[in-house]
Amino acid sequence: MPLDVIRGLASLKLRRPTDEELATLEPVHMTKDVPWNPSKYDSAPSIDEHWFAAFTDHYSILSDTELLRDHNNISVFGAKSTLVPRDYKSLRPYFLGMPSDVVRLTYAATTQYYSNYSASAGQVHMYKSPFPAANVFRRGEDVSTDLLYSDTTAWGGATCMQVFVGTVSHYIHGYECRSDKEFARILEDDIRFHGAPNRIVSDLAKAEISKKVEEVLRKYIIDSHQSEAYQQQQNPVERSIQDIKRYANYVADYSGAPPESWVLIIHYVTYIMNRTARSVLNHRTPYEKLYGQTPDISVMTQFQFWEPVLIHDHLATFPSTSIKILVRFVGFSDSV
């Protein structure tokens, strides 16, 4: 192939083939020889909006008998499963005392009745971007945050908890700390575990608008917004903190757990709240809204907080020591 040299670089001159040259070539059909007509999809509903809304609307108004009937009509690998009706009133203690109808809708919105219809998370990158903001999961929503204070030092030395709540997904998560000076570290942990939001909404606390926090926000391309002084209603997390305290008091009252367990109680409460159907989400769960996956709530109905549980002692020696240890149930683990 003859190459020219232009400005010290090898160059190959290209031109468009003439019609006579194209006529001498045999055509190769790379796709089906059918005219493309995208207009036939104009009246089709959108899977992301219309279909999902209709799907959730349908199952949110069904009775328990109708839900069982619909489930029994679904076969998996050719086999049909049969469900036994549940007593939702007796399950209320496992759901922080919420109404029976909320418990029923939660079962309808989780893995107890149907499989996951969520979409794929998207294309998987085969390389890592040099920009940190491109290497984290983007939540696509604002996140509101504030500090929850306690008058009792928890086990481990925590005296407060930084609470985050998604303004769209309503997903709640908290991180115990000793002071508000740990906010920058906690913010990076929240991005690492739950993704980077579009914007952080907070009050005018100095720890939440410090230079170190600005560096984290700049690193992950996150905007920030502060509410006005003495205007708590401008920060959505304030309402969520009220709900957390109310449910935490409920758990502490029925369990008899000591005040030093308040951090464990809040983690227990937020775990259940994130997996409970919400009317604002069309009776779906905050977990599904954030991650796109239907949560499994089977672990939530095994034990209640501070309930005595016998576990196996792997260090026991025969026959001087028992192989069982009496412990207290204090919550769920996401990493085991």
C-alpha atoms as a PDB file:
ATOM      1  CA  MET A   1       0.000   0.000   0.000  1.00  0.00           C
ATOM      2  CA  PRO A   2       1.587   3.292  -1.044  1.00  0.00           C
ATOM      3  CA  LEU A   3       1.845   5.718   1.867  1.00  0.00           C
ATOM      4  CA  ASP A   4       2.538   9.451   1.765  1.00  0.00           C
ATOM      5  CA  VAL A   5       4.552  11.336   4.361  1.00  0.00           C
ATOM      6  CA  ILE A   6       2.843  14.463   5.678  1.00  0.00           C
ATOM      7  CA  ARG A   7       4.523  16.492   8.434  1.00  0.00           C
ATOM      8  CA  GLY A   8       6.754  13.562   9.239  1.00  0.00           C
ATOM      9  CA  LEU A   9       3.855  11.109   9.682  1.00  0.00           C
ATOM     10  CA  ALA A  10       2.780   8.261   7.387  1.00  0.00           C
ATOM     11  CA  SER A  11      -0.544   8.985   5.725  1.00  0.00           C
ATOM     12  CA  LEU A  12      -2.888   6.874   3.582  1.00  0.00           C
ATOM     13  CA  LYS A  13      -5.114   8.792   1.195  1.00  0.00           C
ATOM     14  CA  LEU A  14      -8.716   7.570   1.187  1.00  0.00           C
ATOM     15  CA  ARG A  15     -11.613   8.404  -1.094  1.00  0.00           C
ATOM     16  CA  ARG A  16     -15.205   7.297  -1.500  1.00  0.00           C
ATOM     17  CA  PRO A  17     -15.665   4.429  -3.998  1.00  0.00           C
ATOM     18  CA  THR A  18     -17.351   5.373  -7.246  1.00  0.00           C
ATOM     19  CA  ASP A  19     -20.698   3.903  -8.287  1.00  0.00           C
ATOM     20  CA  GLU A  20     -18.956   1.799 -10.943  1.00  0.00           C
ATOM     21  CA  GLU A  21     -16.604   0.331  -8.329  1.00  0.00           C
ATOM     22  CA  LEU A  22     -19.474  -0.416  -5.941  1.00  0.00           C
ATOM     23  CA  ALA A  23     -21.400  -2.183  -8.724  1.00  0.00           C
ATOM     24  CA  THR A  24     -18.588  -4.711  -9.122  1.00  0.00           C
ATOM     25  CA  LEU A  25     -18.869  -5.791  -5.458  1.00  0.00           C
ATOM     26  CA  GLU A  26     -21.204  -8.541  -4.229  1.00  0.00           C
ATOM     27  CA  PRO A  27     -23.631  -7.241  -1.537  1.00  0.00           C
ATOM     28  CA  VAL A  28     -23.494  -8.909   1.881  1.00  0.00           C
ATOM     29  CA  HIS A  29     -26.620  -8.663   4.093  1.00  0.00           C
ATOM     30  CA  MET A  30     -25.519  -8.087   7.713  1.00  0.00           C
ATOM     31  CA  THR A  31     -29.085  -7.973   9.082  1.00  0.00           C
ATOM     32  CA  LYS A  32     -32.456  -9.468   8.243  1.00  0.00           C
ATOM     33  CA  ASP A  33     -33.756  -8.306   4.866  1.00  0.00           C
ATOM     34  CA  VAL A  34     -36.876  -6.704   6.398  1.00  0.00           C
ATOM     35  CA  PRO A  35     -37.570  -2.942   6.412  1.00  0.00           C
ATOM     36  CA  TRP A  36     -37.202  -1.459   9.881  1.00  0.00           C
ATOM     37  CA  ASN A  37     -40.462   0.009  11.149  1.00  0.00           C
ATOM     38  CA  PRO A  38     -40.039   1.434  14.684  1.00  0.00           C
ATOM     39  CA  SER A  39     -43.435   3.149  14.509  1.00  0.00           C
ATOM     40  CA  LYS A  40     -45.168  -0.107  15.471  1.00  0.00           C
ATOM     41  CA  TYR A  41     -43.888   0.444  19.018  1.00  0.00           C
ATOM     42  CA  ASP A  42     -45.378   3.935  19.325  1.00  0.00           C
ATOM     43  CA  SER A  43     -48.456   2.765  21.237  1.00  0.00           C
ATOM     44  CA  ALA A  44     -46.599   0.224  23.397  1.00  0.00           C
ATOM     45  CA  PRO A  45     -46.460   1.078  27.136  1.00  0.00           C
ATOM     46  CA  SER A  46     -43.161   1.935  28.753  1.00  0.00           C
ATOM     47  CA  ILE A  47     -41.831  -0.905  30.900  1.00  0.00           C
ATOM     48  CA  ASP A  48     -40.156   1.533  33.278  1.00  0.00           C
ATOM     49  CA  GLU A  49     -43.284   3.591  33.925  1.00  0.00           C
ATOM     50  CA  HIS A  50     -46.690   2.346  32.769  1.00  0.00           C
ATOM     51  CA  TRP A  51     -46.155  -1.397  33.138  1.00  0.00           C
ATOM     52  CA  PHE A  52     -44.492  -1.185  36.545  1.00  0.00           C
ATOM     53  CA  ALA A  53     -47.126   1.257  37.851  1.00  0.00           C
ATOM     54  CA  ALA A  54     -49.926  -0.998  36.640  1.00  0.00           C
ATOM     55  CA  PHE A  55     -48.186  -4.038  38.131  1.00  0.00           C
ATOM     56  CA  THR A  56     -47.782  -2.487  41.565  1.00  0.00           C
ATOM     57  CA  ASP A  57     -51.263  -0.905  41.507  1.00  0.00           C
ATOM     58  CA  HIS A  58     -52.789  -4.313  40.751  1.00  0.00           C
ATOM     59  CA  TYR A  59     -51.087  -6.136  43.619  1.00  0.00           C
ATOM     60  CA  SER A  60     -51.495  -3.312  46.136  1.00  0.00           C
ATOM     61  CA  ILE A  61     -55.299  -3.569  46.046  1.00  0.00           C
ATOM     62  CA  LEU A  62     -55.632  -7.370  46.013  1.00  0.00           C
ATOM     63  CA  SER A  63     -56.852  -9.211  49.065  1.00  0.00           C
ATOM     64  CA  ASP A  64     -54.777 -11.904  50.723  1.00  0.00           C
ATOM     65  CA  THR A  65     -56.887 -14.630  49.069  1.00  0.00           C
ATOM     66  CA  GLU A  66     -56.356 -13.076  45.643  1.00  0.00           C
ATOM     67  CA  LEU A  67     -52.613 -12.798  46.254  1.00  0.00           C
ATOM     68  CA  LEU A  68     -52.457 -16.491  47.116  1.00  0.00           C
ATOM     69  CA  ARG A  69     -54.512 -17.326  44.009  1.00  0.00           C
ATOM     70  CA  ASP A  70     -52.187 -15.304  41.763  1.00  0.00           C
ATOM     71  CA  HIS A  71     -49.115 -16.888  43.322  1.00  0.00           C
ATOM     72  CA  ASN A  72     -50.472 -20.424  42.932  1.00  0.00           C
ATOM     73  CA  ASN A  73     -50.971 -19.745  39.220  1.00  0.00           C
ATOM     74  CA  ILE A  74     -47.242 -19.060  38.799  1.00  0.00           C
ATOM     75  CA  SER A  75     -45.081 -22.094  38.046  1.00  0.00           C
ATOM     76  CA  VAL A  76     -41.305 -22.263  38.414  1.00  0.00           C
ATOM     77  CA  PHE A  77     -39.539 -24.813  36.189  1.00  0.00           C
ATOM     78  CA  GLY A  78     -42.902 -26.471  35.597  1.00  0.00           C
ATOM     79  CA  ALA A  79     -43.770 -26.884  39.290  1.00  0.00           C
ATOM     80  CA  LYS A  80     -46.373 -24.850  41.174  1.00  0.00           C
ATOM     81  CA  SER A  81     -46.000 -23.908  44.826  1.00  0.00           C
ATOM     82  CA  THR A  82     -48.800 -23.673  47.381  1.00  0.00           C
ATOM     83  CA  LEU A  83     -48.767 -21.026  50.100  1.00  0.00           C
ATOM     84  CA  VAL A  84     -50.415 -21.165  53.493  1.00  0.00           C
ATOM     85  CA  PRO A  85     -52.326 -17.985  54.525  1.00  0.00           C
ATOM     86  CA  ARG A  86     -50.484 -16.006  57.184  1.00  0.00           C
ATOM     87  CA  ASP A  87     -51.799 -14.402  60.343  1.00  0.00           C
ATOM     88  CA  TYR A  88     -50.520 -10.869  59.722  1.00  0.00           C
ATOM     89  CA  LYS A  89     -51.747  -9.639  63.075  1.00  0.00           C
ATOM     90  CA  SER A  90     -49.440 -12.059  64.903  1.00  0.00           C
ATOM     91  CA  LEU A  91     -46.527 -10.919  62.722  1.00  0.00           C
ATOM     92  CA  ARG A  92     -46.872  -7.267  63.735  1.00  0.00           C
ATOM     93  CA  PRO A  93     -44.222  -7.457  66.521  1.00  0.00           C
ATOM     94  CA  TYR A  94     -41.625  -8.414  63.894  1.00  0.00           C
ATOM     95  CA  PHE A  95     -42.494  -5.251  61.942  1.00  0.00           C
ATOM     96  CA  LEU A  96     -42.192  -2.714  64.781  1.00  0.00           C
ATOM     97  CA  GLY A  97     -45.907  -2.918  65.583  1.00  0.00           C
ATOM     98  CA  MET A  98     -46.996  -1.546  62.215  1.00  0.00           C
ATOM     99  CA  PRO A  99     -50.614  -2.173  61.089  1.00  0.00           C
ATOM    100  CA  SER A 100     -51.564  -5.605  59.749  1.00  0.00           C
ATOM    101  CA  ASP A 101     -52.280  -4.131  56.323  1.00  0.00           C
ATOM    102  CA  VAL A 102     -48.709  -2.778  56.107  1.00  0.00           C
ATOM    103  CA  VAL A 103     -47.380  -6.233  56.994  1.00  0.00           C
ATOM    104  CA  ARG A 104     -49.549  -7.811  54.296  1.00  0.00           C
ATOM    105  CA  LEU A 105     -48.405  -5.334  51.665  1.00  0.00           C
ATOM    106  CA  THR A 106     -44.792  -5.881  52.731  1.00  0.00           C
ATOM    107  CA  TYR A 107     -45.131  -9.600  52.071  1.00  0.00           C
ATOM    108  CA  ALA A 108     -46.682  -8.743  48.716  1.00  0.00           C
ATOM    109  CA  ALA A 109     -43.737  -6.455  47.871  1.00  0.00           C
ATOM    110  CA  THR A 110     -40.962  -8.895  48.795  1.00  0.00           C
ATOM    111  CA  THR A 111     -39.766 -12.348  47.827  1.00  0.00           C
ATOM    112  CA  GLN A 112     -42.601 -14.070  49.629  1.00  0.00           C
ATOM    113  CA  TYR A 113     -44.982 -13.854  46.660  1.00  0.00           C
ATOM    114  CA  TYR A 114     -43.271 -13.066  43.394  1.00  0.00           C
ATOM    115  CA  SER A 115     -39.864 -13.067  41.771  1.00  0.00           C
ATOM    116  CA  ASN A 116     -37.807 -10.038  40.911  1.00  0.00           C
ATOM    117  CA  TYR A 117     -38.876  -8.010  37.863  1.00  0.00           C
ATOM    118  CA  SER A 118     -36.239  -5.297  38.222  1.00  0.00           C
ATOM    119  CA  ALA A 119     -34.097  -4.190  35.325  1.00  0.00           C
ATOM    120  CA  SER A 120     -30.402  -4.780  34.892  1.00  0.00           C
ATOM    121  CA  ALA A 121     -28.003  -2.449  36.646  1.00  0.00           C
ATOM    122  CA  GLY A 122     -26.557  -1.455  33.279  1.00  0.00           C
ATOM    123  CA  GLN A 123     -23.446  -2.050  31.242  1.00  0.00           C
ATOM    124  CA  VAL A 124     -20.437  -3.396  33.089  1.00  0.00           C
ATOM    125  CA  HIS A 125     -17.263  -1.439  32.458  1.00  0.00           C
ATOM    126  CA  MET A 126     -14.212  -3.510  31.649  1.00  0.00           C
ATOM    127  CA  TYR A 127     -11.817  -0.875  32.949  1.00  0.00           C
ATOM    128  CA  LYS A 128     -11.568   1.506  35.885  1.00  0.00           C
ATOM    129  CA  SER A 129     -11.946   5.203  35.241  1.00  0.00           C
ATOM    130  CA  PRO A 130      -9.234   7.544  36.543  1.00  0.00           C
ATOM    131  CA  PHE A 131     -11.997   9.775  37.903  1.00  0.00           C
ATOM    132  CA  PRO A 132     -13.301   8.671  41.358  1.00  0.00           C
ATOM    133  CA  ALA A 133     -16.820   9.931  40.626  1.00  0.00           C
ATOM    134  CA  ALA A 134     -17.120   7.439  37.753  1.00  0.00           C
ATOM    135  CA  ASN A 135     -16.120   4.457  39.903  1.00  0.00           C
ATOM    136  CA  VAL A 136     -18.992   4.574  42.396  1.00  0.00           C
ATOM    137  CA  PHE A 137     -22.661   3.690  42.131  1.00  0.00           C
ATOM    138  CA  ARG A 138     -24.786   6.803  41.461  1.00  0.00           C
ATOM    139  CA  ARG A 139     -28.011   6.800  43.462  1.00  0.00           C
ATOM    140  CA  GLY A 140     -29.804   9.332  41.277  1.00  0.00           C
ATOM    141  CA  GLU A 141     -31.427  11.132  44.233  1.00  0.00           C
ATOM    142  CA  ASP A 142     -30.711  13.683  46.948  1.00  0.00           C
ATOM    143  CA  VAL A 143     -29.716  12.430  50.390  1.00  0.00           C
ATOM    144  CA  SER A 144     -30.711  14.310  53.534  1.00  0.00           C
ATOM    145  CA  THR A 145     -28.605  13.965  56.684  1.00  0.00           C
ATOM    146  CA  ASP A 146     -28.510  15.112  60.298  1.00  0.00           C
ATOM    147  CA  LEU A 147     -27.072  14.036  63.640  1.00  0.00           C
ATOM    148  CA  LEU A 148     -29.141  12.064  66.159  1.00  0.00           C
ATOM    149  CA  TYR A 149     -27.955  12.658  69.734  1.00  0.00           C
ATOM    150  CA  SER A 150     -28.291  10.333  72.731  1.00  0.00           C
ATOM    151  CA  ASP A 151     -28.052  11.059  76.459  1.00  0.00           C
ATOM    152  CA  THR A 152     -26.580   7.581  77.050  1.00  0.00           C
ATOM    153  CA  THR A 153     -23.201   6.328  75.856  1.00  0.00           C
ATOM    154  CA  ALA A 154     -23.743   3.157  73.852  1.00  0.00           C
ATOM    155  CA  TRP A 155     -21.673   0.007  73.996  1.00  0.00           C
ATOM    156  CA  GLY A 156     -18.524   0.868  72.069  1.00  0.00           C
ATOM    157  CA  GLY A 157     -18.483   4.500  73.184  1.00  0.00           C
ATOM    158  CA  ALA A 158     -20.863   6.070  70.643  1.00  0.00           C
ATOM    159  CA  THR A 159     -22.802   9.120  71.819  1.00  0.00           C
ATOM    160  CA  CYS A 160     -24.555  10.065  68.569  1.00  0.00           C
ATOM    161  CA  MET A 161     -25.486   8.721  65.149  1.00  0.00           C
ATOM    162  CA  GLN A 162     -25.288  10.338  61.705  1.00  0.00           C
ATOM    163  CA  VAL A 163     -28.528   9.493  59.877  1.00  0.00           C
ATOM    164  CA  PHE A 164     -28.941   9.567  56.075  1.00  0.00           C
ATOM    165  CA  VAL A 165     -32.212   9.199  54.166  1.00  0.00           C
ATOM    166  CA  GLY A 166     -32.833   9.196  50.409  1.00  0.00           C
ATOM    167  CA  THR A 167     -35.399  11.784  49.367  1.00  0.00           C
ATOM    168  CA  VAL A 168     -36.754   9.523  46.583  1.00  0.00           C
ATOM    169  CA  SER A 169     -36.094   5.977  47.802  1.00  0.00           C
ATOM    170  CA  HIS A 170     -36.676   6.812  51.518  1.00  0.00           C
ATOM    171  CA  TYR A 171     -33.848   4.369  52.316  1.00  0.00           C
ATOM    172  CA  ILE A 172     -32.490   5.057  55.830  1.00  0.00           C
ATOM    173  CA  HIS A 173     -29.034   4.255  57.159  1.00  0.00           C
ATOM    174  CA  GLY A 174     -27.089   5.456  60.180  1.00  0.00           C
ATOM    175  CA  TYR A 175     -23.508   5.432  61.426  1.00  0.00           C
ATOM    176  CA  GLU A 176     -22.675   5.654  65.120  1.00  0.00           C
ATOM    177  CA  CYS A 177     -19.950   8.117  66.135  1.00  0.00           C
ATOM    178  CA  ARG A 178     -18.510   9.926  69.141  1.00  0.00           C
ATOM    179  CA  SER A 179     -18.865  13.470  67.756  1.00  0.00           C
ATOM    180  CA  ASP A 180     -19.893  15.380  64.649  1.00  0.00           C
ATOM    181  CA  LYS A 181     -16.215  15.774  63.695  1.00  0.00           C
ATOM    182  CA  GLU A 182     -16.359  12.329  62.102  1.00  0.00           C
ATOM    183  CA  PHE A 183     -18.819  13.463  59.421  1.00  0.00           C
ATOM    184  CA  ALA A 184     -16.298  13.527  56.549  1.00  0.00           C
ATOM    185  CA  ARG A 185     -15.247   9.927  57.233  1.00  0.00           C
ATOM    186  CA  ILE A 186     -18.858   8.827  57.624  1.00  0.00           C
ATOM    187  CA  LEU A 187     -19.818  10.517  54.345  1.00  0.00           C
ATOM    188  CA  GLU A 188     -17.119   8.594  52.469  1.00  0.00           C
ATOM    189  CA  ASP A 189     -18.318   5.350  54.059  1.00  0.00           C
ATOM    190  CA  ASP A 190     -21.888   6.111  53.027  1.00  0.00           C
ATOM    191  CA  ILE A 191     -20.787   6.692  49.423  1.00  0.00           C
ATOM    192  CA  ARG A 192     -18.780   3.466  49.527  1.00  0.00           C
ATOM    193  CA  PHE A 193     -21.672   1.372  50.867  1.00  0.00           C
ATOM    194  CA  HIS A 194     -24.759   2.995  49.290  1.00  0.00           C
ATOM    195  CA  GLY A 195     -23.509   5.082  46.357  1.00  0.00           C
ATOM    196  CA  ALA A 196     -23.007   8.757  45.568  1.00  0.00           C
ATOM    197  CA  PRO A 197     -26.114  10.974  45.667  1.00  0.00           C
ATOM    198  CA  ASN A 198     -26.854  13.938  43.441  1.00  0.00           C
ATOM    199  CA  ARG A 199     -26.865  16.307  46.407  1.00  0.00           C
ATOM    200  CA  ILE A 200     -26.329  16.287  50.172  1.00  0.00           C
ATOM    201  CA  VAL A 201     -29.003  18.182  52.107  1.00  0.00           C
ATOM    202  CA  SER A 202     -28.034  19.205  55.649  1.00  0.00           C
ATOM    203  CA  ASP A 203     -28.327  22.024  58.136  1.00  0.00           C
ATOM    204  CA  LEU A 204     -25.666  24.662  58.796  1.00  0.00           C
ATOM    205  CA  ALA A 205     -23.637  22.549  61.234  1.00  0.00           C
ATOM    206  CA  LYS A 206     -19.974  23.420  60.812  1.00  0.00           C
ATOM    207  CA  ALA A 207     -18.893  19.781  60.652  1.00  0.00           C
ATOM    208  CA  GLU A 208     -21.214  19.185  57.672  1.00  0.00           C
ATOM    209  CA  ILE A 209     -19.965  22.167  55.628  1.00  0.00           C
ATOM    210  CA  SER A 210     -16.275  21.985  56.480  1.00  0.00           C
ATOM    211  CA  LYS A 211     -13.416  22.180  53.984  1.00  0.00           C
ATOM    212  CA  LYS A 212     -12.778  18.459  54.338  1.00  0.00           C
ATOM    213  CA  VAL A 213     -16.395  17.708  53.457  1.00  0.00           C
ATOM    214  CA  GLU A 214     -16.118  20.012  50.437  1.00  0.00           C
ATOM    215  CA  GLU A 215     -13.133  18.008  49.235  1.00  0.00           C
ATOM    216  CA  VAL A 216     -15.152  14.787  49.432  1.00  0.00           C
ATOM    217  CA  LEU A 217     -18.086  16.354  47.574  1.00  0.00           C
ATOM    218  CA  ARG A 218     -15.775  17.763  44.924  1.00  0.00           C
ATOM    219  CA  LYS A 219     -14.044  14.385  44.524  1.00  0.00           C
ATOM    220  CA  TYR A 220     -17.321  12.583  43.786  1.00  0.00           C
ATOM    221  CA  ILE A 221     -19.075  15.513  42.023  1.00  0.00           C
ATOM    222  CA  ILE A 222     -21.829  15.893  44.618  1.00  0.00           C
ATOM    223  CA  ASP A 223     -23.731  19.128  45.112  1.00  0.00           C
ATOM    224  CA  SER A 224     -24.733  20.393  48.556  1.00  0.00           C
ATOM    225  CA  HIS A 225     -27.651  22.317  50.025  1.00  0.00           C
ATOM    226  CA  GLN A 226     -28.191  23.690  53.519  1.00  0.00           C
ATOM    227  CA  SER A 227     -31.494  24.467  55.178  1.00  0.00           C
ATOM    228  CA  GLU A 228     -32.128  27.773  56.892  1.00  0.00           C
ATOM    229  CA  ALA A 229     -31.480  28.178  60.600  1.00  0.00           C
ATOM    230  CA  TYR A 230     -34.401  27.085  62.829  1.00  0.00           C
ATOM    231  CA  GLN A 231     -36.279  25.720  59.776  1.00  0.00           C
ATOM    232  CA  GLN A 232     -36.129  21.976  60.434  1.00  0.00           C
ATOM    233  CA  GLN A 233     -38.974  21.300  58.021  1.00  0.00           C
ATOM    234  CA  GLN A 234     -36.608  22.104  55.143  1.00  0.00           C
ATOM    235  CA  ASN A 235     -34.499  19.042  55.959  1.00  0.00           C
ATOM    236  CA  PRO A 236     -36.409  15.811  55.101  1.00  0.00           C
ATOM    237  CA  VAL A 237     -34.321  13.667  57.454  1.00  0.00           C
ATOM    238  CA  GLU A 238     -35.895  15.369  60.491  1.00  0.00           C
ATOM    239  CA  ARG A 239     -39.165  13.492  59.912  1.00  0.00           C
ATOM    240  CA  SER A 240     -37.318  10.192  59.502  1.00  0.00           C
ATOM    241  CA  ILE A 241     -35.448  10.734  62.770  1.00  0.00           C
ATOM    242  CA  GLN A 242     -38.799  11.182  64.541  1.00  0.00           C
ATOM    243  CA  ASP A 243     -39.962   7.837  63.113  1.00  0.00           C
ATOM    244  CA  ILE A 244     -36.699   6.157  64.115  1.00  0.00           C
ATOM    245  CA  LYS A 245     -37.023   7.397  67.708  1.00  0.00           C
ATOM    246  CA  ARG A 246     -40.662   6.312  67.914  1.00  0.00           C
ATOM    247  CA  TYR A 247     -39.928   2.779  66.708  1.00  0.00           C
ATOM    248  CA  ALA A 248     -36.755   2.580  68.816  1.00  0.00           C
ATOM    249  CA  ASN A 249     -38.800   3.415  71.937  1.00  0.00           C
ATOM    250  CA  TYR A 250     -41.298   0.741  70.927  1.00  0.00           C
ATOM    251  CA  VAL A 251     -38.532  -1.890  70.648  1.00  0.00           C
ATOM    252  CA  ALA A 252     -36.904  -0.807  73.911  1.00  0.00           C
ATOM    253  CA  ASP A 253     -40.243  -0.994  75.747  1.00  0.00           C
ATOM    254  CA  TYR A 254     -41.252  -4.507  74.690  1.00  0.00           C
ATOM    255  CA  SER A 255     -37.740  -6.008  74.769  1.00  0.00           C
ATOM    256  CA  GLY A 256     -36.499  -4.605  78.071  1.00  0.00           C
ATOM    257  CA  ALA A 257     -33.056  -4.026  76.558  1.00  0.00           C
ATOM    258  CA  PRO A 258     -30.727  -1.689  78.483  1.00  0.00           C
ATOM    259  CA  PRO A 259     -30.316   1.936  77.304  1.00  0.00           C
ATOM    260  CA  GLU A 260     -26.722   1.200  76.235  1.00  0.00           C
ATOM    261  CA  SER A 261     -28.108  -0.866  73.353  1.00  0.00           C
ATOM    262  CA  TRP A 262     -29.673   2.132  71.578  1.00  0.00           C
ATOM    263  CA  VAL A 263     -27.258   1.895  68.619  1.00  0.00           C
ATOM    264  CA  LEU A 264     -28.152  -1.751  68.040  1.00  0.00           C
ATOM    265  CA  ILE A 265     -31.838  -0.896  68.360  1.00  0.00           C
ATOM    266  CA  ILE A 266     -31.613   1.831  65.712  1.00  0.00           C
ATOM    267  CA  HIS A 267     -29.793  -0.485  63.292  1.00  0.00           C
ATOM    268  CA  TYR A 268     -32.503  -3.096  63.935  1.00  0.00           C
ATOM    269  CA  VAL A 269     -35.269  -0.526  63.353  1.00  0.00           C
ATOM    270  CA  THR A 270     -33.806   0.932  60.141  1.00  0.00           C
ATOM    271  CA  TYR A 271     -33.225  -2.552  58.700  1.00  0.00           C
ATOM    272  CA  ILE A 272     -36.932  -3.317  59.078  1.00  0.00           C
ATOM    273  CA  MET A 273     -38.063   0.127  57.890  1.00  0.00           C
ATOM    274  CA  ASN A 274     -36.014  -0.272  54.683  1.00  0.00           C
ATOM    275  CA  ARG A 275     -37.755  -3.568  53.949  1.00  0.00           C
ATOM    276  CA  THR A 276     -41.315  -2.538  54.791  1.00  0.00           C
ATOM    277  CA  ALA A 277     -43.820  -1.521  52.104  1.00  0.00           C
ATOM    278  CA  ARG A 278     -44.394   2.238  51.919  1.00  0.00           C
ATOM    279  CA  SER A 279     -47.498   3.858  50.473  1.00  0.00           C
ATOM    280  CA  VAL A 280     -45.404   6.739  49.107  1.00  0.00           C
ATOM    281  CA  LEU A 281     -43.539   4.132  46.995  1.00  0.00           C
ATOM    282  CA  ASN A 282     -46.752   2.562  45.686  1.00  0.00           C
ATOM    283  CA  HIS A 283     -46.487  -0.148  48.361  1.00  0.00           C
ATOM    284  CA  ARG A 284     -42.954  -1.176  47.439  1.00  0.00           C
ATOM    285  CA  THR A 285     -39.946  -1.139  49.771  1.00  0.00           C
ATOM    286  CA  PRO A 286     -37.182   1.494  50.056  1.00  0.00           C
ATOM    287  CA  TYR A 287     -34.607  -1.282  49.527  1.00  0.00           C
ATOM    288  CA  GLU A 288     -36.133  -2.173  46.158  1.00  0.00           C
ATOM    289  CA  LYS A 289     -36.421   1.488  45.163  1.00  0.00           C
ATOM    290  CA  LEU A 290     -32.699   2.063  45.796  1.00  0.00           C
ATOM    291  CA  TYR A 291     -31.157  -1.194  44.582  1.00  0.00           C
ATOM    292  CA  GLY A 292     -33.754  -2.512  42.133  1.00  0.00           C
ATOM    293  CA  GLN A 293     -33.868  -5.885  43.905  1.00  0.00           C
ATOM    294  CA  THR A 294     -36.786  -7.422  45.785  1.00  0.00           C
ATOM    295  CA  PRO A 295     -35.661  -7.975  49.401  1.00  0.00           C
ATOM    296  CA  ASP A 296     -36.018 -11.253  51.252  1.00  0.00           C
ATOM    297  CA  ILE A 297     -37.670 -10.684  54.638  1.00  0.00           C
ATOM    298  CA  SER A 298     -37.622 -14.287  55.848  1.00  0.00           C
ATOM    299  CA  VAL A 299     -34.889 -13.481  58.389  1.00  0.00           C
ATOM    300  CA  MET A 300     -37.018 -10.749  59.950  1.00  0.00           C
ATOM    301  CA  THR A 301     -39.619 -13.150  61.348  1.00  0.00           C
ATOM    302  CA  GLN A 302     -37.281 -15.559  63.135  1.00  0.00           C
ATOM    303  CA  PHE A 303     -36.454 -13.570  66.289  1.00  0.00           C
ATOM    304  CA  GLN A 304     -37.335 -10.270  67.925  1.00  0.00           C
ATOM    305  CA  PHE A 305     -34.829  -7.852  69.395  1.00  0.00           C
ATOM    306  CA  TRP A 306     -33.231  -8.974  72.690  1.00  0.00           C
ATOM    307  CA  GLU A 307     -34.859 -12.389  72.458  1.00  0.00           C
ATOM    308  CA  PRO A 308     -32.837 -15.196  74.142  1.00  0.00           C
ATOM    309  CA  VAL A 309     -31.240 -17.518  71.569  1.00  0.00           C
ATOM    310  CA  LEU A 310     -29.137 -20.650  71.955  1.00  0.00           C
ATOM    311  CA  ILE A 311     -26.117 -20.907  69.626  1.00  0.00           C
ATOM    312  CA  HIS A 312     -23.501 -23.603  69.191  1.00  0.00           C
ATOM    313  CA  ASP A 313     -20.230 -23.232  71.090  1.00  0.00           C
ATOM    314  CA  HIS A 314     -17.393 -24.369  68.824  1.00  0.00           C
ATOM    315  CA  LEU A 315     -14.886 -24.105  71.686  1.00  0.00           C
ATOM    316  CA  ALA A 316     -16.764 -26.388  74.058  1.00  0.00           C
ATOM    317  CA  THR A 317     -14.948 -29.405  75.464  1.00  0.00           C
ATOM    318  CA  PHE A 318     -16.687 -32.680  76.307  1.00  0.00           C
ATOM    319  CA  PRO A 319     -18.193 -33.208  78.809  1.00  0.00           C
ATOM    320  CA  SER A 320     -17.234 -30.399  81.162  1.00  0.00           C
ATOM    321  CA  THR A 321     -18.870 -27.573  79.209  1.00  0.00           C
ATOM    322  CA  SER A 322     -22.151 -27.271  77.351  1.00  0.00           C
ATOM    323  CA  ILE A 323     -22.176 -27.082  73.569  1.00  0.00           C
ATOM    324  CA  LYS A 324     -24.829 -24.335  73.702  1.00  0.00           C
ATOM    325  CA  ILE A 325     -24.440 -20.680  74.697  1.00  0.00           C
ATOM    326  CA  LEU A 326     -27.345 -18.423  75.681  1.00  0.00           C
ATOM    327  CA  VAL A 327     -27.108 -15.099  73.839  1.00  0.00           C
ATOM    328  CA  ARG A 328     -29.401 -12.194  72.928  1.00  0.00           C
ATOM    329  CA  PHE A 329     -30.589 -11.436  69.400  1.00  0.00           C
ATOM    330  CA  VAL A 330     -29.616  -7.843  68.538  1.00  0.00           C
ATOM    331  CA  GLY A 331     -30.093  -7.500  64.783  1.00  0.00           C
ATOM    332  CA  PHE A 332     -29.327  -8.636  61.256  1.00  0.00           C
ATOM    333  CA  SER A 333     -26.046  -8.840  59.355  1.00  0.00           C
ATOM    334  CA  ASP A 334     -25.655  -7.779  55.724  1.00  0.00           C
ATOM    335  CA  SER A 335     -22.140  -9.157  55.335  1.00  0.00           C
ATOM    336  CA  VAL A 336     -22.477 -12.732  56.642  1.00  0.00           C
END
